[in-house]
Amino acid sequence: MTPILWSFRRCPYAIRARLALAASGQQVELREVVLRDKPPEFLAASPSATVPCLVTGDSVIDESLDVMRWALAQNDPQGWLDMPASGWDWIARNDGPFKHALDRFKYTSRYPEEDAATHLAAARTYLDELEEQIDDWVFEQPTLADYALLPFVRQFAFIDKSWFDEQPWPSVQNWLERFLSSDEFGAVMKKYPQWTAGQRGSVFPPKSS
């Protein structure tokens, strides 16, 4: 069977899963979920009820990083998995402390008991250190680390893009801008209709003509 990917266009976790699938060339049936109107078929498939969720012939992969690793295990033509061990540490910091701080700074109404300034300071510390690591890429060439981190740095940047662009992070800013203007990003941000029962999803990545 063609694997099924339950996805949501703007979710950074789903974005990075689509980036890896597109890089690998592994085609899936993409089913776009509207998070305020989750279909029962999606809820039955996803143990966590979150996107992305990849249903293969014999397994359900419910974590975005695992979807990336699965896709690249099928085919990794750009060598994303050829990454220094410290790349996994950067991904862990992104998915843990940075995302924790990002959410509590961005969604203050969800966390009224939290101090947004404290979480902004934590996010800034992470980006200060990322600035020291990045030249053109996190390492010498693009790897899984870049494409696992970029959707979340994008999410943080667009809380207030003008403010972000004024910060002393020129390497991070250039890295992000190259990503935002890239064919890779454009290809995974195409809009798909909301999936409904009885409907086939969209072929992703699209078949080349």
N, C-alpha and C. Protein backbone atom coordinates (compact mmCIF):
# COMPACT_ATOMS: atom_id res chain seq x y z
N MET A 1 0.84 -1.19 0.00
CA MET A 1 0.00 0.00 0.00
C MET A 1 0.88 1.25 0.00
N THR A 2 0.35 2.33 -0.55
CA THR A 2 1.04 3.61 -0.46
C THR A 2 0.90 4.13 0.97
N PRO A 3 2.00 4.50 1.61
CA PRO A 3 1.88 5.04 2.97
C PRO A 3 0.97 6.27 3.00
N ILE A 4 0.29 6.45 4.10
CA ILE A 4 -0.60 7.59 4.29
C ILE A 4 0.04 8.54 5.29
N LEU A 5 0.14 9.82 4.91
CA LEU A 5 0.66 10.84 5.81
C LEU A 5 -0.47 11.79 6.19
N TRP A 6 -0.83 11.77 7.46
CA TRP A 6 -1.75 12.78 7.99
C TRP A 6 -0.92 14.01 8.33
N SER A 7 -1.33 15.17 7.82
CA SER A 7 -0.49 16.35 7.90
C SER A 7 -1.35 17.60 8.12
N PHE A 8 -0.69 18.67 8.50
CA PHE A 8 -1.31 20.00 8.60
C PHE A 8 -0.28 21.00 8.11
N ARG A 9 -0.65 21.79 7.16
CA ARG A 9 0.31 22.60 6.39
C ARG A 9 1.23 23.43 7.28
N ARG A 10 0.72 24.14 8.26
CA ARG A 10 1.52 25.11 9.00
C ARG A 10 2.25 24.52 10.21
N CYS A 11 1.95 23.31 10.60
CA CYS A 11 2.57 22.73 11.78
C CYS A 11 4.05 22.48 11.53
N PRO A 12 4.96 22.99 12.38
CA PRO A 12 6.39 22.80 12.12
C PRO A 12 6.81 21.33 12.16
N TYR A 13 6.14 20.54 12.98
CA TYR A 13 6.46 19.11 13.01
C TYR A 13 6.09 18.46 11.67
N ALA A 14 4.93 18.82 11.14
CA ALA A 14 4.51 18.27 9.86
C ALA A 14 5.37 18.80 8.72
N ILE A 15 5.80 20.06 8.80
CA ILE A 15 6.66 20.62 7.77
C ILE A 15 7.95 19.82 7.66
N ARG A 16 8.56 19.51 8.80
CA ARG A 16 9.84 18.81 8.70
C ARG A 16 9.66 17.37 8.22
N ALA A 17 8.53 16.76 8.56
CA ALA A 17 8.27 15.42 8.01
C ALA A 17 8.14 15.48 6.50
N ARG A 18 7.42 16.48 5.99
CA ARG A 18 7.26 16.61 4.53
C ARG A 18 8.59 16.92 3.86
N LEU A 19 9.43 17.72 4.50
CA LEU A 19 10.75 18.02 3.94
C LEU A 19 11.55 16.74 3.72
N ALA A 20 11.54 15.84 4.71
CA ALA A 20 12.31 14.60 4.58
C ALA A 20 11.70 13.68 3.53
N LEU A 21 10.38 13.60 3.48
CA LEU A 21 9.73 12.77 2.47
C LEU A 21 10.05 13.29 1.07
N ALA A 22 10.01 14.61 0.90
CA ALA A 22 10.32 15.19 -0.40
C ALA A 22 11.77 14.94 -0.78
N ALA A 23 12.68 15.08 0.19
CA ALA A 23 14.10 14.86 -0.09
C ALA A 23 14.37 13.41 -0.47
N SER A 24 13.64 12.49 0.14
CA SER A 24 13.86 11.07 -0.14
C SER A 24 13.20 10.63 -1.44
N GLY A 25 12.18 11.39 -1.87
CA GLY A 25 11.40 10.97 -3.03
C GLY A 25 10.37 9.90 -2.71
N GLN A 26 10.21 9.58 -1.43
CA GLN A 26 9.25 8.56 -1.01
C GLN A 26 7.84 9.14 -1.11
N GLN A 27 7.03 8.59 -2.00
CA GLN A 27 5.69 9.13 -2.18
C GLN A 27 4.71 8.55 -1.16
N VAL A 28 3.82 9.42 -0.72
CA VAL A 28 2.79 9.06 0.24
C VAL A 28 1.46 9.64 -0.24
N GLU A 29 0.40 9.17 0.36
CA GLU A 29 -0.91 9.79 0.18
C GLU A 29 -1.10 10.79 1.31
N LEU A 30 -1.03 12.08 0.97
CA LEU A 30 -1.12 13.12 1.98
C LEU A 30 -2.59 13.44 2.25
N ARG A 31 -2.96 13.38 3.52
CA ARG A 31 -4.30 13.73 3.95
C ARG A 31 -4.21 14.94 4.87
N GLU A 32 -4.70 16.07 4.39
CA GLU A 32 -4.61 17.32 5.14
C GLU A 32 -5.69 17.36 6.21
N VAL A 33 -5.26 17.60 7.45
CA VAL A 33 -6.15 17.64 8.60
C VAL A 33 -6.36 19.10 9.01
N VAL A 34 -7.58 19.46 9.32
CA VAL A 34 -7.88 20.74 9.98
C VAL A 34 -7.96 20.43 11.47
N LEU A 35 -7.08 21.03 12.26
CA LEU A 35 -6.90 20.58 13.64
C LEU A 35 -8.14 20.83 14.50
N ARG A 36 -8.96 21.79 14.14
CA ARG A 36 -10.19 22.02 14.91
C ARG A 36 -11.31 21.08 14.49
N ASP A 37 -11.06 20.28 13.47
CA ASP A 37 -12.08 19.38 12.93
C ASP A 37 -11.42 18.07 12.51
N LYS A 38 -10.83 17.38 13.49
CA LYS A 38 -10.07 16.16 13.20
C LYS A 38 -11.02 15.02 12.84
N PRO A 39 -10.82 14.39 11.70
CA PRO A 39 -11.73 13.30 11.31
C PRO A 39 -11.50 12.06 12.18
N PRO A 40 -12.54 11.27 12.39
CA PRO A 40 -12.39 10.06 13.21
C PRO A 40 -11.36 9.09 12.65
N GLU A 41 -11.19 9.06 11.34
CA GLU A 41 -10.19 8.17 10.74
C GLU A 41 -8.77 8.56 11.18
N PHE A 42 -8.53 9.85 11.28
CA PHE A 42 -7.24 10.31 11.77
C PHE A 42 -7.06 9.97 13.24
N LEU A 43 -8.09 10.21 14.04
CA LEU A 43 -7.99 9.91 15.47
C LEU A 43 -7.79 8.42 15.72
N ALA A 44 -8.35 7.59 14.85
CA ALA A 44 -8.16 6.15 14.98
C ALA A 44 -6.74 5.75 14.60
N ALA A 45 -6.12 6.51 13.69
CA ALA A 45 -4.78 6.16 13.21
C ALA A 45 -3.68 6.65 14.15
N SER A 46 -3.85 7.84 14.71
CA SER A 46 -2.78 8.49 15.46
C SER A 46 -2.95 8.26 16.96
N PRO A 47 -2.03 7.55 17.60
CA PRO A 47 -2.12 7.35 19.05
C PRO A 47 -2.14 8.66 19.84
N SER A 48 -1.43 9.67 19.34
CA SER A 48 -1.35 10.94 20.06
C SER A 48 -2.35 11.98 19.57
N ALA A 49 -3.06 11.67 18.49
CA ALA A 49 -4.01 12.61 17.87
C ALA A 49 -3.32 13.89 17.41
N THR A 50 -2.04 13.77 17.01
CA THR A 50 -1.30 14.92 16.52
C THR A 50 -0.67 14.58 15.17
N VAL A 51 -0.41 15.63 14.39
CA VAL A 51 0.29 15.48 13.12
C VAL A 51 1.77 15.78 13.34
N PRO A 52 2.62 15.19 12.48
CA PRO A 52 2.29 14.25 11.42
C PRO A 52 2.09 12.85 11.97
N CYS A 53 1.36 12.05 11.22
CA CYS A 53 1.21 10.63 11.52
C CYS A 53 1.35 9.88 10.20
N LEU A 54 2.30 8.97 10.14
CA LEU A 54 2.56 8.21 8.93
C LEU A 54 2.12 6.77 9.14
N VAL A 55 1.23 6.31 8.30
CA VAL A 55 0.74 4.94 8.36
C VAL A 55 1.36 4.18 7.19
N THR A 56 2.23 3.24 7.49
CA THR A 56 2.85 2.42 6.46
C THR A 56 2.11 1.09 6.40
N GLY A 57 2.64 0.17 5.62
CA GLY A 57 1.97 -1.12 5.50
C GLY A 57 1.92 -1.90 6.79
N ASP A 58 2.91 -1.69 7.67
CA ASP A 58 2.97 -2.51 8.88
C ASP A 58 3.20 -1.73 10.16
N SER A 59 3.13 -0.41 10.11
CA SER A 59 3.38 0.36 11.32
C SER A 59 2.74 1.73 11.24
N VAL A 60 2.63 2.37 12.41
CA VAL A 60 2.19 3.75 12.52
C VAL A 60 3.33 4.53 13.17
N ILE A 61 3.77 5.57 12.48
CA ILE A 61 4.88 6.39 12.98
C ILE A 61 4.29 7.74 13.37
N ASP A 62 4.32 8.03 14.67
CA ASP A 62 3.53 9.12 15.21
C ASP A 62 4.38 10.29 15.71
N GLU A 63 5.69 10.25 15.43
CA GLU A 63 6.58 11.33 15.83
C GLU A 63 7.29 11.86 14.58
N SER A 64 7.37 13.18 14.47
CA SER A 64 7.89 13.78 13.24
C SER A 64 9.34 13.38 12.97
N LEU A 65 10.17 13.33 14.00
CA LEU A 65 11.57 12.97 13.79
C LEU A 65 11.68 11.51 13.32
N ASP A 66 10.80 10.66 13.81
CA ASP A 66 10.79 9.27 13.36
C ASP A 66 10.33 9.16 11.91
N VAL A 67 9.40 10.04 11.51
CA VAL A 67 8.98 10.06 10.11
C VAL A 67 10.17 10.47 9.23
N MET A 68 10.92 11.47 9.67
CA MET A 68 12.10 11.91 8.91
C MET A 68 13.09 10.76 8.77
N ARG A 69 13.36 10.08 9.86
CA ARG A 69 14.34 8.99 9.82
C ARG A 69 13.84 7.84 8.95
N TRP A 70 12.56 7.56 9.02
CA TRP A 70 12.00 6.50 8.18
C TRP A 70 12.16 6.86 6.70
N ALA A 71 11.81 8.10 6.34
CA ALA A 71 11.90 8.52 4.94
C ALA A 71 13.34 8.41 4.43
N LEU A 72 14.29 8.89 5.23
CA LEU A 72 15.68 8.90 4.80
C LEU A 72 16.29 7.51 4.81
N ALA A 73 15.72 6.61 5.60
CA ALA A 73 16.17 5.21 5.54
C ALA A 73 15.77 4.56 4.23
N GLN A 74 14.68 5.05 3.61
CA GLN A 74 14.28 4.54 2.30
C GLN A 74 15.24 5.03 1.22
N ASN A 75 15.63 6.31 1.34
CA ASN A 75 16.50 6.92 0.32
C ASN A 75 16.99 8.26 0.87
N ASP A 76 18.28 8.47 0.80
CA ASP A 76 18.88 9.69 1.34
C ASP A 76 19.86 10.27 0.32
N PRO A 77 19.36 10.72 -0.82
CA PRO A 77 20.26 11.13 -1.91
C PRO A 77 21.10 12.35 -1.58
N GLN A 78 20.65 13.19 -0.64
CA GLN A 78 21.40 14.39 -0.30
C GLN A 78 22.30 14.20 0.93
N GLY A 79 22.29 13.00 1.50
CA GLY A 79 23.18 12.71 2.61
C GLY A 79 22.81 13.41 3.91
N TRP A 80 21.51 13.60 4.15
CA TRP A 80 21.09 14.27 5.39
C TRP A 80 21.51 13.51 6.63
N LEU A 81 21.56 12.18 6.54
CA LEU A 81 21.93 11.38 7.71
C LEU A 81 23.43 11.36 7.96
N ASP A 82 24.20 11.92 7.05
CA ASP A 82 25.65 12.02 7.23
C ASP A 82 25.92 13.25 8.09
N MET A 83 25.60 13.12 9.37
CA MET A 83 25.55 14.26 10.28
C MET A 83 26.41 13.95 11.51
N PRO A 84 27.19 14.92 11.99
CA PRO A 84 27.93 14.70 13.24
C PRO A 84 26.98 14.35 14.38
N ALA A 85 27.50 13.61 15.34
CA ALA A 85 26.66 13.18 16.47
C ALA A 85 26.05 14.36 17.21
N SER A 86 26.73 15.48 17.22
CA SER A 86 26.20 16.65 17.92
C SER A 86 24.92 17.18 17.28
N GLY A 87 24.66 16.78 16.03
CA GLY A 87 23.40 17.18 15.40
C GLY A 87 22.20 16.68 16.18
N TRP A 88 22.32 15.47 16.72
CA TRP A 88 21.20 14.94 17.53
C TRP A 88 21.01 15.77 18.79
N ASP A 89 22.10 16.30 19.34
CA ASP A 89 21.98 17.15 20.52
C ASP A 89 21.25 18.45 20.17
N TRP A 90 21.57 19.04 19.00
CA TRP A 90 20.88 20.25 18.59
C TRP A 90 19.37 19.97 18.38
N ILE A 91 19.05 18.84 17.80
CA ILE A 91 17.65 18.50 17.60
C ILE A 91 16.94 18.32 18.94
N ALA A 92 17.60 17.66 19.88
CA ALA A 92 17.01 17.47 21.21
C ALA A 92 16.78 18.80 21.92
N ARG A 93 17.71 19.72 21.79
CA ARG A 93 17.54 21.04 22.40
C ARG A 93 16.41 21.81 21.72
N ASN A 94 16.31 21.67 20.41
CA ASN A 94 15.23 22.32 19.68
C ASN A 94 13.88 21.79 20.12
N ASP A 95 13.76 20.46 20.16
CA ASP A 95 12.47 19.84 20.44
C ASP A 95 12.08 19.94 21.92
N GLY A 96 13.09 20.14 22.78
CA GLY A 96 12.84 20.24 24.20
C GLY A 96 12.79 21.68 24.68
N PRO A 97 13.91 22.21 25.19
CA PRO A 97 13.87 23.55 25.79
C PRO A 97 13.44 24.67 24.86
N PHE A 98 13.91 24.66 23.60
CA PHE A 98 13.55 25.77 22.71
C PHE A 98 12.06 25.76 22.39
N LYS A 99 11.50 24.62 22.03
CA LYS A 99 10.07 24.56 21.72
C LYS A 99 9.24 24.88 22.95
N HIS A 100 9.67 24.44 24.11
CA HIS A 100 8.98 24.76 25.36
C HIS A 100 8.92 26.28 25.55
N ALA A 101 10.06 26.95 25.36
CA ALA A 101 10.10 28.40 25.52
C ALA A 101 9.30 29.10 24.43
N LEU A 102 9.45 28.61 23.19
CA LEU A 102 8.73 29.22 22.05
C LEU A 102 7.23 29.22 22.30
N ASP A 103 6.68 28.09 22.70
CA ASP A 103 5.23 28.00 22.90
C ASP A 103 4.76 28.95 23.99
N ARG A 104 5.52 29.07 25.07
CA ARG A 104 5.08 29.90 26.20
C ARG A 104 5.29 31.38 25.94
N PHE A 105 6.16 31.71 24.98
CA PHE A 105 6.29 33.10 24.57
C PHE A 105 5.25 33.45 23.51
N LYS A 106 5.01 32.55 22.58
CA LYS A 106 4.09 32.81 21.48
C LYS A 106 2.62 32.75 21.93
N TYR A 107 2.29 31.77 22.74
CA TYR A 107 0.90 31.52 23.10
C TYR A 107 0.66 31.90 24.56
N THR A 108 0.81 33.18 24.85
CA THR A 108 0.70 33.62 26.24
C THR A 108 -0.69 33.36 26.83
N SER A 109 -1.73 33.39 26.00
CA SER A 109 -3.08 33.16 26.52
C SER A 109 -3.27 31.71 26.97
N ARG A 110 -2.49 30.80 26.40
CA ARG A 110 -2.58 29.39 26.82
C ARG A 110 -1.85 29.14 28.13
N TYR A 111 -0.88 30.01 28.44
CA TYR A 111 -0.04 29.80 29.62
C TYR A 111 -0.03 31.08 30.46
N PRO A 112 -1.19 31.47 30.98
CA PRO A 112 -1.26 32.75 31.71
C PRO A 112 -0.41 32.77 32.98
N GLU A 113 -0.11 31.60 33.51
CA GLU A 113 0.68 31.54 34.75
C GLU A 113 2.19 31.62 34.48
N GLU A 114 2.58 31.60 33.20
CA GLU A 114 4.00 31.61 32.83
C GLU A 114 4.48 33.04 32.58
N ASP A 115 5.76 33.28 32.83
CA ASP A 115 6.37 34.59 32.58
C ASP A 115 6.96 34.59 31.17
N ALA A 116 6.33 35.30 30.25
CA ALA A 116 6.76 35.30 28.85
C ALA A 116 8.19 35.81 28.71
N ALA A 117 8.58 36.76 29.52
CA ALA A 117 9.93 37.32 29.41
C ALA A 117 10.99 36.27 29.74
N THR A 118 10.71 35.41 30.70
CA THR A 118 11.64 34.34 31.06
C THR A 118 11.82 33.38 29.88
N HIS A 119 10.72 33.06 29.22
CA HIS A 119 10.80 32.13 28.10
C HIS A 119 11.44 32.77 26.88
N LEU A 120 11.22 34.07 26.69
CA LEU A 120 11.93 34.77 25.61
C LEU A 120 13.44 34.74 25.86
N ALA A 121 13.84 34.93 27.09
CA ALA A 121 15.27 34.89 27.41
C ALA A 121 15.85 33.51 27.13
N ALA A 122 15.10 32.45 27.43
CA ALA A 122 15.57 31.09 27.16
C ALA A 122 15.70 30.85 25.66
N ALA A 123 14.73 31.33 24.89
CA ALA A 123 14.79 31.17 23.43
C ALA A 123 15.97 31.95 22.86
N ARG A 124 16.21 33.14 23.40
CA ARG A 124 17.33 33.95 22.91
C ARG A 124 18.67 33.28 23.20
N THR A 125 18.78 32.64 24.35
CA THR A 125 20.02 31.94 24.69
C THR A 125 20.30 30.83 23.68
N TYR A 126 19.25 30.08 23.36
CA TYR A 126 19.40 29.01 22.36
C TYR A 126 19.84 29.58 21.01
N LEU A 127 19.22 30.67 20.57
CA LEU A 127 19.55 31.24 19.27
C LEU A 127 20.91 31.91 19.29
N ASP A 128 21.32 32.47 20.43
CA ASP A 128 22.69 32.99 20.55
C ASP A 128 23.70 31.88 20.30
N GLU A 129 23.45 30.70 20.87
CA GLU A 129 24.37 29.59 20.73
C GLU A 129 24.30 28.97 19.32
N LEU A 130 23.11 28.95 18.75
CA LEU A 130 22.98 28.47 17.38
C LEU A 130 23.72 29.40 16.42
N GLU A 131 23.68 30.69 16.70
CA GLU A 131 24.41 31.67 15.89
C GLU A 131 25.90 31.36 15.85
N GLU A 132 26.43 30.91 16.97
CA GLU A 132 27.85 30.56 17.03
C GLU A 132 28.16 29.27 16.27
N GLN A 133 27.18 28.41 16.13
CA GLN A 133 27.39 27.11 15.46
C GLN A 133 27.29 27.22 13.95
N ILE A 134 26.34 28.03 13.47
CA ILE A 134 26.02 28.08 12.04
C ILE A 134 27.03 28.93 11.28
N ASP A 135 27.42 28.41 10.11
CA ASP A 135 28.10 29.24 9.12
C ASP A 135 27.09 29.37 7.98
N ASP A 136 27.19 28.54 6.97
CA ASP A 136 26.10 28.46 5.99
C ASP A 136 25.03 27.49 6.46
N TRP A 137 25.47 26.42 7.11
CA TRP A 137 24.59 25.37 7.62
C TRP A 137 24.98 25.10 9.06
N VAL A 138 24.20 24.28 9.74
CA VAL A 138 24.56 23.95 11.11
C VAL A 138 25.95 23.33 11.14
N PHE A 139 26.23 22.46 10.15
CA PHE A 139 27.57 21.90 9.99
C PHE A 139 28.09 22.32 8.62
N GLU A 140 29.03 21.59 8.05
CA GLU A 140 29.64 22.04 6.80
C GLU A 140 28.72 21.90 5.60
N GLN A 141 27.75 21.00 5.69
CA GLN A 141 26.81 20.79 4.59
C GLN A 141 25.42 20.58 5.19
N PRO A 142 24.36 20.73 4.40
CA PRO A 142 23.02 20.53 4.94
C PRO A 142 22.80 19.10 5.41
N THR A 143 22.23 18.97 6.58
CA THR A 143 21.96 17.66 7.16
C THR A 143 20.56 17.66 7.76
N LEU A 144 20.22 16.53 8.35
CA LEU A 144 18.95 16.40 9.04
C LEU A 144 18.75 17.49 10.08
N ALA A 145 19.83 17.91 10.74
CA ALA A 145 19.71 18.94 11.77
C ALA A 145 19.11 20.23 11.21
N ASP A 146 19.58 20.66 10.04
CA ASP A 146 19.05 21.90 9.46
C ASP A 146 17.54 21.81 9.26
N TYR A 147 17.10 20.73 8.66
CA TYR A 147 15.69 20.65 8.28
C TYR A 147 14.79 20.23 9.43
N ALA A 148 15.39 19.71 10.51
CA ALA A 148 14.62 19.46 11.72
C ALA A 148 14.44 20.74 12.54
N LEU A 149 15.42 21.65 12.48
CA LEU A 149 15.36 22.88 13.26
C LEU A 149 14.64 24.03 12.56
N LEU A 150 14.84 24.15 11.25
CA LEU A 150 14.37 25.34 10.53
C LEU A 150 12.89 25.64 10.69
N PRO A 151 11.98 24.66 10.64
CA PRO A 151 10.56 25.02 10.79
C PRO A 151 10.24 25.67 12.14
N PHE A 152 11.00 25.35 13.18
CA PHE A 152 10.75 25.92 14.50
C PHE A 152 11.37 27.30 14.64
N VAL A 153 12.55 27.49 14.05
CA VAL A 153 13.13 28.83 14.03
C VAL A 153 12.22 29.75 13.21
N ARG A 154 11.68 29.24 12.12
CA ARG A 154 10.70 30.01 11.34
C ARG A 154 9.51 30.40 12.20
N GLN A 155 8.97 29.46 12.95
CA GLN A 155 7.82 29.75 13.80
C GLN A 155 8.15 30.85 14.81
N PHE A 156 9.33 30.76 15.40
CA PHE A 156 9.73 31.79 16.36
C PHE A 156 9.92 33.13 15.67
N ALA A 157 10.57 33.13 14.51
CA ALA A 157 10.86 34.39 13.82
C ALA A 157 9.60 35.15 13.48
N PHE A 158 8.55 34.44 13.10
CA PHE A 158 7.34 35.11 12.64
C PHE A 158 6.38 35.50 13.76
N ILE A 159 6.80 35.28 15.01
CA ILE A 159 6.05 35.92 16.09
C ILE A 159 6.13 37.43 15.91
N ASP A 160 7.32 37.92 15.56
CA ASP A 160 7.54 39.35 15.26
C ASP A 160 8.76 39.40 14.35
N LYS A 161 8.53 39.29 13.05
CA LYS A 161 9.64 39.16 12.09
C LYS A 161 10.52 40.40 12.09
N SER A 162 9.94 41.58 12.22
CA SER A 162 10.76 42.80 12.22
C SER A 162 11.71 42.79 13.41
N TRP A 163 11.22 42.40 14.57
CA TRP A 163 12.07 42.30 15.76
C TRP A 163 13.16 41.25 15.55
N PHE A 164 12.77 40.10 15.03
CA PHE A 164 13.74 39.01 14.80
C PHE A 164 14.86 39.48 13.89
N ASP A 165 14.51 40.20 12.83
CA ASP A 165 15.51 40.65 11.85
C ASP A 165 16.48 41.68 12.43
N GLU A 166 16.12 42.29 13.55
CA GLU A 166 16.99 43.29 14.18
C GLU A 166 17.94 42.69 15.20
N GLN A 167 17.79 41.39 15.48
CA GLN A 167 18.61 40.76 16.51
C GLN A 167 20.01 40.43 15.96
N PRO A 168 21.00 40.27 16.86
CA PRO A 168 22.38 40.02 16.43
C PRO A 168 22.63 38.56 16.06
N TRP A 169 21.84 38.09 15.11
CA TRP A 169 21.94 36.70 14.65
C TRP A 169 22.07 36.65 13.13
N PRO A 170 23.08 37.29 12.53
CA PRO A 170 23.14 37.34 11.06
C PRO A 170 23.25 35.97 10.41
N SER A 171 23.96 35.04 11.01
CA SER A 171 24.09 33.72 10.41
C SER A 171 22.77 32.96 10.46
N VAL A 172 22.09 33.02 11.60
CA VAL A 172 20.78 32.38 11.72
C VAL A 172 19.78 33.03 10.77
N GLN A 173 19.81 34.34 10.67
CA GLN A 173 18.87 35.06 9.78
C GLN A 173 19.11 34.69 8.32
N ASN A 174 20.38 34.62 7.90
CA ASN A 174 20.67 34.25 6.51
C ASN A 174 20.27 32.80 6.24
N TRP A 175 20.54 31.93 7.18
CA TRP A 175 20.16 30.52 7.09
C TRP A 175 18.65 30.37 6.92
N LEU A 176 17.91 31.11 7.74
CA LEU A 176 16.46 31.05 7.65
C LEU A 176 15.96 31.64 6.33
N GLU A 177 16.50 32.76 5.91
CA GLU A 177 16.02 33.39 4.68
C GLU A 177 16.29 32.52 3.46
N ARG A 178 17.43 31.84 3.44
CA ARG A 178 17.71 30.93 2.33
C ARG A 178 16.69 29.79 2.31
N PHE A 179 16.33 29.32 3.47
CA PHE A 179 15.31 28.28 3.57
C PHE A 179 13.96 28.78 3.08
N LEU A 180 13.55 29.95 3.53
CA LEU A 180 12.23 30.47 3.16
C LEU A 180 12.11 30.73 1.66
N SER A 181 13.21 31.04 1.01
CA SER A 181 13.17 31.32 -0.43
C SER A 181 13.53 30.09 -1.27
N SER A 182 13.74 28.96 -0.63
CA SER A 182 14.22 27.77 -1.35
C SER A 182 13.09 27.03 -2.03
N ASP A 183 13.47 26.28 -3.06
CA ASP A 183 12.50 25.41 -3.72
C ASP A 183 12.01 24.32 -2.76
N GLU A 184 12.88 23.86 -1.87
CA GLU A 184 12.51 22.81 -0.93
C GLU A 184 11.36 23.26 -0.04
N PHE A 185 11.45 24.48 0.47
CA PHE A 185 10.40 24.99 1.34
C PHE A 185 9.12 25.23 0.53
N GLY A 186 9.25 25.85 -0.62
CA GLY A 186 8.08 26.10 -1.45
C GLY A 186 7.34 24.84 -1.81
N ALA A 187 8.09 23.77 -2.07
CA ALA A 187 7.47 22.51 -2.50
C ALA A 187 6.64 21.86 -1.40
N VAL A 188 7.04 22.06 -0.14
CA VAL A 188 6.30 21.39 0.95
C VAL A 188 5.21 22.27 1.54
N MET A 189 5.11 23.52 1.07
CA MET A 189 4.11 24.43 1.62
C MET A 189 2.92 24.65 0.67
N LYS A 190 2.83 23.83 -0.36
CA LYS A 190 1.65 23.89 -1.23
C LYS A 190 0.40 23.62 -0.41
N LYS A 191 -0.68 24.31 -0.75
CA LYS A 191 -1.94 24.11 -0.04
C LYS A 191 -2.69 22.90 -0.60
N TYR A 192 -3.19 22.08 0.31
CA TYR A 192 -3.99 20.91 -0.06
C TYR A 192 -5.37 21.03 0.58
N PRO A 193 -6.39 20.50 -0.08
CA PRO A 193 -7.74 20.58 0.49
C PRO A 193 -7.86 19.70 1.73
N GLN A 194 -8.76 20.08 2.61
CA GLN A 194 -9.04 19.26 3.78
C GLN A 194 -9.53 17.88 3.34
N TRP A 195 -8.94 16.83 3.93
CA TRP A 195 -9.35 15.47 3.60
C TRP A 195 -10.69 15.17 4.23
N THR A 196 -11.55 14.49 3.48
CA THR A 196 -12.82 14.02 4.02
C THR A 196 -12.96 12.53 3.71
N ALA A 197 -13.77 11.86 4.50
CA ALA A 197 -13.94 10.42 4.36
C ALA A 197 -14.42 10.06 2.96
N GLY A 198 -13.86 8.99 2.43
CA GLY A 198 -14.22 8.54 1.09
C GLY A 198 -13.43 9.19 -0.02
N GLN A 199 -12.55 10.11 0.35
CA GLN A 199 -11.76 10.87 -0.63
C GLN A 199 -10.33 10.37 -0.62
N ARG A 200 -9.72 10.26 -1.78
CA ARG A 200 -8.29 9.95 -1.82
C ARG A 200 -7.50 11.21 -1.50
N GLY A 201 -6.41 11.00 -0.79
CA GLY A 201 -5.55 12.13 -0.50
C GLY A 201 -4.74 12.52 -1.74
N SER A 202 -3.83 13.46 -1.52
CA SER A 202 -3.00 13.97 -2.61
C SER A 202 -1.68 13.21 -2.66
N VAL A 203 -1.16 13.01 -3.85
CA VAL A 203 0.14 12.38 -4.01
C VAL A 203 1.22 13.38 -3.57
N PHE A 204 2.06 12.96 -2.63
CA PHE A 204 3.13 13.82 -2.13
C PHE A 204 4.40 12.98 -1.96
N PRO A 205 5.56 13.50 -2.41
CA PRO A 205 5.69 14.68 -3.28
C PRO A 205 5.05 14.40 -4.64
N PRO A 206 4.57 15.44 -5.32
CA PRO A 206 3.90 15.22 -6.61
C PRO A 206 4.79 14.50 -7.60
N LYS A 207 4.18 13.72 -8.45
CA LYS A 207 4.93 13.02 -9.50
C LYS A 207 5.49 14.05 -10.47
N SER A 208 6.75 13.89 -10.83
CA SER A 208 7.36 14.81 -11.78
C SER A 208 6.81 14.53 -13.16
N SER A 209 6.63 15.59 -13.94
CA SER A 209 6.06 15.44 -15.28
C SER A 209 7.14 15.03 -16.28
